[in-house]
Amino acid sequence: MSTTIRLAQQPEADELLGRSPLAALVGMLLDQQVPMEWAFSGPYTIAVRMGGDDLDAQAIAAYDPDAFTALLSDKPAVHRYPGSMARRVQQLCQYLVEHYDGDPTAVWRDVATGTELRDRLNELPGFGKQKAQIFLALLGKQFGVRPEGWRAAAGAYGDQGAYRSAADITGPESLAKVRAFKQEAKRAAKTAKSAKTEKSTKGR
């Protein structure tokens, strides 16, 4: 699993994402409530602060929790909520150690279908249905992990030519398109909520 990735928009961070399955998983885990570039730069920052050039599930799982929280909290912080994210990263790595011998590629290496892979991803700590589908789409679109039915299992995130998520980002232009899509989706949701509230008020 080694490919050209442009999610962090930083050469060193993207290079790590392209060659490290665990870095890609951790980046996906961190991708909430912060800009995508910030989230996907996190694995590189963690690796550097741990004194290595890659992430190791065994090492992170065994790290002292308070020290790991401090590691993510040092300025610049790895995430807006470094404490809670430090716990989630450790929980993810502990799960990988317990269920996959610390090898993240084992999550997808022997799956037969996209549905099976989505379900496995959904079981990872810190991953829900949406995050599992986005990472499934990322694996299929950019890492060549394409079990039967992977696009369907990824839902709309698997659509070809879509600009919905991290799975579709290959550079600054596509990043701008994904960001525009997300902003429009937020506006639509806000409008729908306002309309529902107004209708509820009138019905009283």
C-alpha atoms as a PDB file:
ATOM      1  CA  MET A   1       0.000   0.000   0.000  1.00  0.00           C
ATOM      2  CA  SER A   2       2.049   2.911  -1.305  1.00  0.00           C
ATOM      3  CA  THR A   3       0.586   5.649  -3.423  1.00  0.00           C
ATOM      4  CA  THR A   4       0.636   9.398  -3.986  1.00  0.00           C
ATOM      5  CA  ILE A   5      -1.655  11.095  -1.483  1.00  0.00           C
ATOM      6  CA  ARG A   6      -2.534  14.781  -1.241  1.00  0.00           C
ATOM      7  CA  LEU A   7      -4.785  14.879   1.820  1.00  0.00           C
ATOM      8  CA  ALA A   8      -2.539  16.805   4.210  1.00  0.00           C
ATOM      9  CA  GLN A   9      -1.275  19.194   1.516  1.00  0.00           C
ATOM     10  CA  GLN A  10       2.171  18.797   3.134  1.00  0.00           C
ATOM     11  CA  PRO A  11       4.798  16.685   1.316  1.00  0.00           C
ATOM     12  CA  GLU A  12       6.170  14.842   4.364  1.00  0.00           C
ATOM     13  CA  ALA A  13       2.761  14.183   5.894  1.00  0.00           C
ATOM     14  CA  ASP A  14       1.296  13.037   2.574  1.00  0.00           C
ATOM     15  CA  GLU A  15       4.275  10.785   1.905  1.00  0.00           C
ATOM     16  CA  LEU A  16       3.647   9.036   5.226  1.00  0.00           C
ATOM     17  CA  LEU A  17      -0.058   8.630   4.454  1.00  0.00           C
ATOM     18  CA  GLY A  18       0.829   7.053   1.119  1.00  0.00           C
ATOM     19  CA  ARG A  19       3.075   4.366   2.584  1.00  0.00           C
ATOM     20  CA  SER A  20       1.626   3.785   6.047  1.00  0.00           C
ATOM     21  CA  PRO A  21      -1.769   2.090   6.405  1.00  0.00           C
ATOM     22  CA  LEU A  22      -1.883   2.987  10.103  1.00  0.00           C
ATOM     23  CA  ALA A  23      -1.182   6.645   9.350  1.00  0.00           C
ATOM     24  CA  ALA A  24      -4.093   6.660   6.892  1.00  0.00           C
ATOM     25  CA  LEU A  25      -6.403   5.085   9.490  1.00  0.00           C
ATOM     26  CA  VAL A  26      -5.328   7.529  12.197  1.00  0.00           C
ATOM     27  CA  GLY A  27      -5.764  10.460   9.818  1.00  0.00           C
ATOM     28  CA  MET A  28      -9.293   9.297   9.088  1.00  0.00           C
ATOM     29  CA  LEU A  29      -9.961   8.961  12.805  1.00  0.00           C
ATOM     30  CA  LEU A  30      -8.784  12.532  13.421  1.00  0.00           C
ATOM     31  CA  ASP A  31     -10.888  13.902  10.547  1.00  0.00           C
ATOM     32  CA  GLN A  32     -13.702  15.514  12.510  1.00  0.00           C
ATOM     33  CA  GLN A  33     -14.294  19.029  13.774  1.00  0.00           C
ATOM     34  CA  VAL A  34     -11.040  20.257  12.211  1.00  0.00           C
ATOM     35  CA  PRO A  35      -9.983  21.034   8.614  1.00  0.00           C
ATOM     36  CA  MET A  36      -9.041  17.888   6.682  1.00  0.00           C
ATOM     37  CA  GLU A  37      -5.464  19.062   6.138  1.00  0.00           C
ATOM     38  CA  TRP A  38      -5.004  19.461   9.894  1.00  0.00           C
ATOM     39  CA  ALA A  39      -6.435  16.012  10.591  1.00  0.00           C
ATOM     40  CA  PHE A  40      -4.361  14.181   7.987  1.00  0.00           C
ATOM     41  CA  SER A  41      -1.173  15.977   9.051  1.00  0.00           C
ATOM     42  CA  GLY A  42      -1.662  14.535  12.532  1.00  0.00           C
ATOM     43  CA  PRO A  43      -0.126  11.092  11.904  1.00  0.00           C
ATOM     44  CA  TYR A  44       3.134  12.655  10.702  1.00  0.00           C
ATOM     45  CA  THR A  45       3.263  14.948  13.749  1.00  0.00           C
ATOM     46  CA  ILE A  46       2.668  11.981  16.069  1.00  0.00           C
ATOM     47  CA  ALA A  47       5.377   9.915  14.338  1.00  0.00           C
ATOM     48  CA  VAL A  48       7.927  12.721  14.603  1.00  0.00           C
ATOM     49  CA  ARG A  49       7.144  13.359  18.260  1.00  0.00           C
ATOM     50  CA  MET A  50       7.504   9.636  18.978  1.00  0.00           C
ATOM     51  CA  GLY A  51      10.936   9.773  17.362  1.00  0.00           C
ATOM     52  CA  GLY A  52      10.171   7.662  14.292  1.00  0.00           C
ATOM     53  CA  ASP A  53       9.287   7.888  10.619  1.00  0.00           C
ATOM     54  CA  ASP A  54       6.129   5.780  10.872  1.00  0.00           C
ATOM     55  CA  LEU A  55       3.410   4.843  13.333  1.00  0.00           C
ATOM     56  CA  ASP A  56       3.448   1.519  15.163  1.00  0.00           C
ATOM     57  CA  ALA A  57       0.213   0.160  16.626  1.00  0.00           C
ATOM     58  CA  GLN A  58       2.017  -1.854  19.306  1.00  0.00           C
ATOM     59  CA  ALA A  59       4.035   1.155  20.481  1.00  0.00           C
ATOM     60  CA  ILE A  60       1.036   3.497  20.576  1.00  0.00           C
ATOM     61  CA  ALA A  61      -1.160   0.921  22.320  1.00  0.00           C
ATOM     62  CA  ALA A  62       1.440   0.472  25.059  1.00  0.00           C
ATOM     63  CA  TYR A  63       2.251   4.194  25.456  1.00  0.00           C
ATOM     64  CA  ASP A  64       1.529   5.784  28.821  1.00  0.00           C
ATOM     65  CA  PRO A  65      -1.897   7.452  28.356  1.00  0.00           C
ATOM     66  CA  ASP A  66      -0.964  10.702  30.100  1.00  0.00           C
ATOM     67  CA  ALA A  67       2.271  10.963  28.151  1.00  0.00           C
ATOM     68  CA  PHE A  68       0.446  10.265  24.892  1.00  0.00           C
ATOM     69  CA  THR A  69      -2.094  12.974  25.677  1.00  0.00           C
ATOM     70  CA  ALA A  70       0.769  15.383  26.342  1.00  0.00           C
ATOM     71  CA  LEU A  71       2.389  14.344  23.075  1.00  0.00           C
ATOM     72  CA  LEU A  72      -0.735  15.268  21.114  1.00  0.00           C
ATOM     73  CA  SER A  73      -1.330  18.415  23.173  1.00  0.00           C
ATOM     74  CA  ASP A  74       2.082  20.008  22.634  1.00  0.00           C
ATOM     75  CA  LYS A  75       1.904  23.121  20.474  1.00  0.00           C
ATOM     76  CA  PRO A  76       0.941  22.978  17.732  1.00  0.00           C
ATOM     77  CA  ALA A  77      -1.683  20.521  18.952  1.00  0.00           C
ATOM     78  CA  VAL A  78      -2.467  17.543  16.746  1.00  0.00           C
ATOM     79  CA  HIS A  79      -6.207  18.238  17.050  1.00  0.00           C
ATOM     80  CA  ARG A  80      -8.628  20.774  18.472  1.00  0.00           C
ATOM     81  CA  TYR A  81      -9.435  18.185  21.158  1.00  0.00           C
ATOM     82  CA  PRO A  82      -6.064  16.510  21.744  1.00  0.00           C
ATOM     83  CA  GLY A  83      -7.054  14.773  24.975  1.00  0.00           C
ATOM     84  CA  SER A  84     -10.080  12.924  23.636  1.00  0.00           C
ATOM     85  CA  MET A  85      -8.342  12.188  20.346  1.00  0.00           C
ATOM     86  CA  ALA A  86      -5.292  10.796  22.129  1.00  0.00           C
ATOM     87  CA  ARG A  87      -7.595   8.306  23.864  1.00  0.00           C
ATOM     88  CA  ARG A  88      -9.281   7.393  20.588  1.00  0.00           C
ATOM     89  CA  VAL A  89      -5.996   6.861  18.761  1.00  0.00           C
ATOM     90  CA  GLN A  90      -4.784   4.599  21.548  1.00  0.00           C
ATOM     91  CA  GLN A  91      -8.086   2.698  21.596  1.00  0.00           C
ATOM     92  CA  LEU A  92      -7.829   2.198  17.831  1.00  0.00           C
ATOM     93  CA  CYS A  93      -4.289   0.849  18.127  1.00  0.00           C
ATOM     94  CA  GLN A  94      -5.195  -1.370  21.067  1.00  0.00           C
ATOM     95  CA  TYR A  95      -8.053  -2.825  19.015  1.00  0.00           C
ATOM     96  CA  LEU A  96      -5.719  -3.458  16.079  1.00  0.00           C
ATOM     97  CA  VAL A  97      -3.249  -5.209  18.382  1.00  0.00           C
ATOM     98  CA  GLU A  98      -5.971  -7.360  19.940  1.00  0.00           C
ATOM     99  CA  HIS A  99      -7.816  -8.300  16.745  1.00  0.00           C
ATOM    100  CA  TYR A 100      -5.249  -7.945  13.938  1.00  0.00           C
ATOM    101  CA  ASP A 101      -1.848  -8.435  15.604  1.00  0.00           C
ATOM    102  CA  GLY A 102      -1.199  -4.721  15.178  1.00  0.00           C
ATOM    103  CA  ASP A 103      -1.329  -4.961  11.363  1.00  0.00           C
ATOM    104  CA  PRO A 104      -3.894  -2.526   9.932  1.00  0.00           C
ATOM    105  CA  THR A 105      -3.703  -4.079   6.452  1.00  0.00           C
ATOM    106  CA  ALA A 106      -5.207  -7.240   7.969  1.00  0.00           C
ATOM    107  CA  VAL A 107      -8.455  -5.281   8.288  1.00  0.00           C
ATOM    108  CA  TRP A 108      -8.893  -5.387   4.505  1.00  0.00           C
ATOM    109  CA  ARG A 109      -6.369  -7.884   3.161  1.00  0.00           C
ATOM    110  CA  ASP A 110      -8.595 -10.982   3.115  1.00  0.00           C
ATOM    111  CA  VAL A 111     -12.095  -9.528   2.774  1.00  0.00           C
ATOM    112  CA  ALA A 112     -14.286 -10.896  -0.014  1.00  0.00           C
ATOM    113  CA  THR A 113     -16.794  -8.066  -0.333  1.00  0.00           C
ATOM    114  CA  GLY A 114     -17.118  -4.360   0.199  1.00  0.00           C
ATOM    115  CA  THR A 115     -19.866  -4.949   2.738  1.00  0.00           C
ATOM    116  CA  GLU A 116     -17.559  -7.132   4.822  1.00  0.00           C
ATOM    117  CA  LEU A 117     -14.861  -4.474   4.738  1.00  0.00           C
ATOM    118  CA  ARG A 118     -17.303  -1.707   5.636  1.00  0.00           C
ATOM    119  CA  ASP A 119     -18.506  -3.752   8.600  1.00  0.00           C
ATOM    120  CA  ARG A 120     -14.929  -4.347   9.767  1.00  0.00           C
ATOM    121  CA  LEU A 121     -14.131  -0.640   9.523  1.00  0.00           C
ATOM    122  CA  ASN A 122     -17.346   0.199  11.352  1.00  0.00           C
ATOM    123  CA  GLU A 123     -16.167  -1.929  14.282  1.00  0.00           C
ATOM    124  CA  LEU A 124     -12.969   0.098  14.719  1.00  0.00           C
ATOM    125  CA  PRO A 125     -12.970   2.422  17.765  1.00  0.00           C
ATOM    126  CA  GLY A 126     -13.734   5.968  16.668  1.00  0.00           C
ATOM    127  CA  PHE A 127     -15.286   4.848  13.389  1.00  0.00           C
ATOM    128  CA  GLY A 128     -19.011   4.965  12.728  1.00  0.00           C
ATOM    129  CA  LYS A 129     -20.963   4.169   9.570  1.00  0.00           C
ATOM    130  CA  GLN A 130     -20.093   7.417   7.777  1.00  0.00           C
ATOM    131  CA  LYS A 131     -16.392   7.315   8.621  1.00  0.00           C
ATOM    132  CA  ALA A 132     -16.255   3.633   7.650  1.00  0.00           C
ATOM    133  CA  GLN A 133     -17.838   4.392   4.275  1.00  0.00           C
ATOM    134  CA  ILE A 134     -15.502   7.319   3.613  1.00  0.00           C
ATOM    135  CA  PHE A 135     -12.420   5.258   4.447  1.00  0.00           C
ATOM    136  CA  LEU A 136     -13.730   2.383   2.321  1.00  0.00           C
ATOM    137  CA  ALA A 137     -14.099   4.846  -0.565  1.00  0.00           C
ATOM    138  CA  LEU A 138     -10.588   6.180   0.101  1.00  0.00           C
ATOM    139  CA  LEU A 139      -9.153   2.650   0.015  1.00  0.00           C
ATOM    140  CA  GLY A 140     -10.920   1.907  -3.245  1.00  0.00           C
ATOM    141  CA  LYS A 141     -10.324   5.182  -5.047  1.00  0.00           C
ATOM    142  CA  GLN A 142      -6.742   5.919  -4.000  1.00  0.00           C
ATOM    143  CA  PHE A 143      -5.160   2.759  -2.561  1.00  0.00           C
ATOM    144  CA  GLY A 144      -6.465   0.138  -4.976  1.00  0.00           C
ATOM    145  CA  VAL A 145      -8.246  -1.888  -2.283  1.00  0.00           C
ATOM    146  CA  ARG A 146     -11.362  -2.900  -4.225  1.00  0.00           C
ATOM    147  CA  PRO A 147     -13.242  -5.952  -2.976  1.00  0.00           C
ATOM    148  CA  GLU A 148     -16.388  -6.886  -4.852  1.00  0.00           C
ATOM    149  CA  GLY A 149     -19.127  -4.297  -4.398  1.00  0.00           C
ATOM    150  CA  TRP A 150     -16.918  -1.742  -2.682  1.00  0.00           C
ATOM    151  CA  ARG A 151     -18.517   1.278  -4.355  1.00  0.00           C
ATOM    152  CA  ALA A 152     -22.021   0.230  -3.332  1.00  0.00           C
ATOM    153  CA  ALA A 153     -20.872  -0.512   0.222  1.00  0.00           C
ATOM    154  CA  ALA A 154     -19.326   2.963   0.427  1.00  0.00           C
ATOM    155  CA  GLY A 155     -22.658   4.549  -0.475  1.00  0.00           C
ATOM    156  CA  ALA A 156     -22.536   7.958  -2.147  1.00  0.00           C
ATOM    157  CA  TYR A 157     -18.877   8.299  -1.090  1.00  0.00           C
ATOM    158  CA  GLY A 158     -18.019   5.538  -3.558  1.00  0.00           C
ATOM    159  CA  ASP A 159     -19.553   7.341  -6.538  1.00  0.00           C
ATOM    160  CA  GLN A 160     -17.165   7.940  -9.398  1.00  0.00           C
ATOM    161  CA  GLY A 161     -16.539  11.616 -10.116  1.00  0.00           C
ATOM    162  CA  ALA A 162     -17.938  12.708  -6.756  1.00  0.00           C
ATOM    163  CA  TYR A 163     -16.387  15.394  -4.568  1.00  0.00           C
ATOM    164  CA  ARG A 164     -17.891  14.528  -1.208  1.00  0.00           C
ATOM    165  CA  SER A 165     -15.083  13.543   1.152  1.00  0.00           C
ATOM    166  CA  ALA A 166     -11.412  12.899   1.799  1.00  0.00           C
ATOM    167  CA  ALA A 167     -11.688   9.956  -0.607  1.00  0.00           C
ATOM    168  CA  ASP A 168     -11.977  12.397  -3.509  1.00  0.00           C
ATOM    169  CA  ILE A 169      -9.098  14.738  -2.677  1.00  0.00           C
ATOM    170  CA  THR A 170      -6.102  14.486  -4.984  1.00  0.00           C
ATOM    171  CA  GLY A 171      -4.868  18.078  -4.814  1.00  0.00           C
ATOM    172  CA  PRO A 172      -5.829  21.694  -4.042  1.00  0.00           C
ATOM    173  CA  GLU A 173      -8.495  21.858  -6.775  1.00  0.00           C
ATOM    174  CA  SER A 174     -10.374  18.766  -5.612  1.00  0.00           C
ATOM    175  CA  LEU A 175      -9.968  19.877  -1.989  1.00  0.00           C
ATOM    176  CA  ALA A 176     -11.742  23.126  -2.879  1.00  0.00           C
ATOM    177  CA  LYS A 177     -14.555  21.170  -4.578  1.00  0.00           C
ATOM    178  CA  VAL A 178     -15.017  18.888  -1.561  1.00  0.00           C
ATOM    179  CA  ARG A 179     -15.033  21.874   0.769  1.00  0.00           C
ATOM    180  CA  ALA A 180     -17.639  23.607  -1.394  1.00  0.00           C
ATOM    181  CA  PHE A 181     -19.791  20.466  -1.361  1.00  0.00           C
ATOM    182  CA  LYS A 182     -19.617  20.259   2.433  1.00  0.00           C
ATOM    183  CA  GLN A 183     -20.502  23.945   2.836  1.00  0.00           C
ATOM    184  CA  GLU A 184     -23.486  23.569   0.517  1.00  0.00           C
ATOM    185  CA  ALA A 185     -24.645  20.472   2.415  1.00  0.00           C
ATOM    186  CA  LYS A 186     -24.445  22.425   5.691  1.00  0.00           C
ATOM    187  CA  ARG A 187     -26.444  25.304   4.174  1.00  0.00           C
ATOM    188  CA  ALA A 188     -29.090  22.911   2.889  1.00  0.00           C
ATOM    189  CA  ALA A 189     -29.363  21.208   6.273  1.00  0.00           C
ATOM    190  CA  LYS A 190     -29.666  24.552   8.039  1.00  0.00           C
ATOM    191  CA  THR A 191     -32.373  25.698   5.615  1.00  0.00           C
ATOM    192  CA  ALA A 192     -34.293  22.458   6.059  1.00  0.00           C
ATOM    193  CA  LYS A 193     -34.065  22.757   9.843  1.00  0.00           C
ATOM    194  CA  SER A 194     -35.305  26.363   9.751  1.00  0.00           C
ATOM    195  CA  ALA A 195     -38.208  25.375   7.505  1.00  0.00           C
ATOM    196  CA  LYS A 196     -39.147  22.530   9.845  1.00  0.00           C
ATOM    197  CA  THR A 197     -39.024  24.835  12.882  1.00  0.00           C
ATOM    198  CA  GLU A 198     -41.156  27.447  11.113  1.00  0.00           C
ATOM    199  CA  LYS A 199     -43.725  24.821  10.097  1.00  0.00           C
ATOM    200  CA  SER A 200     -43.844  23.482  13.657  1.00  0.00           C
ATOM    201  CA  THR A 201     -44.404  27.006  15.051  1.00  0.00           C
ATOM    202  CA  LYS A 202     -47.240  27.727  12.613  1.00  0.00           C
ATOM    203  CA  GLY A 203     -48.913  24.454  13.502  1.00  0.00           C
ATOM    204  CA  ARG A 204     -49.334  25.419  17.142  1.00  0.00           C
END
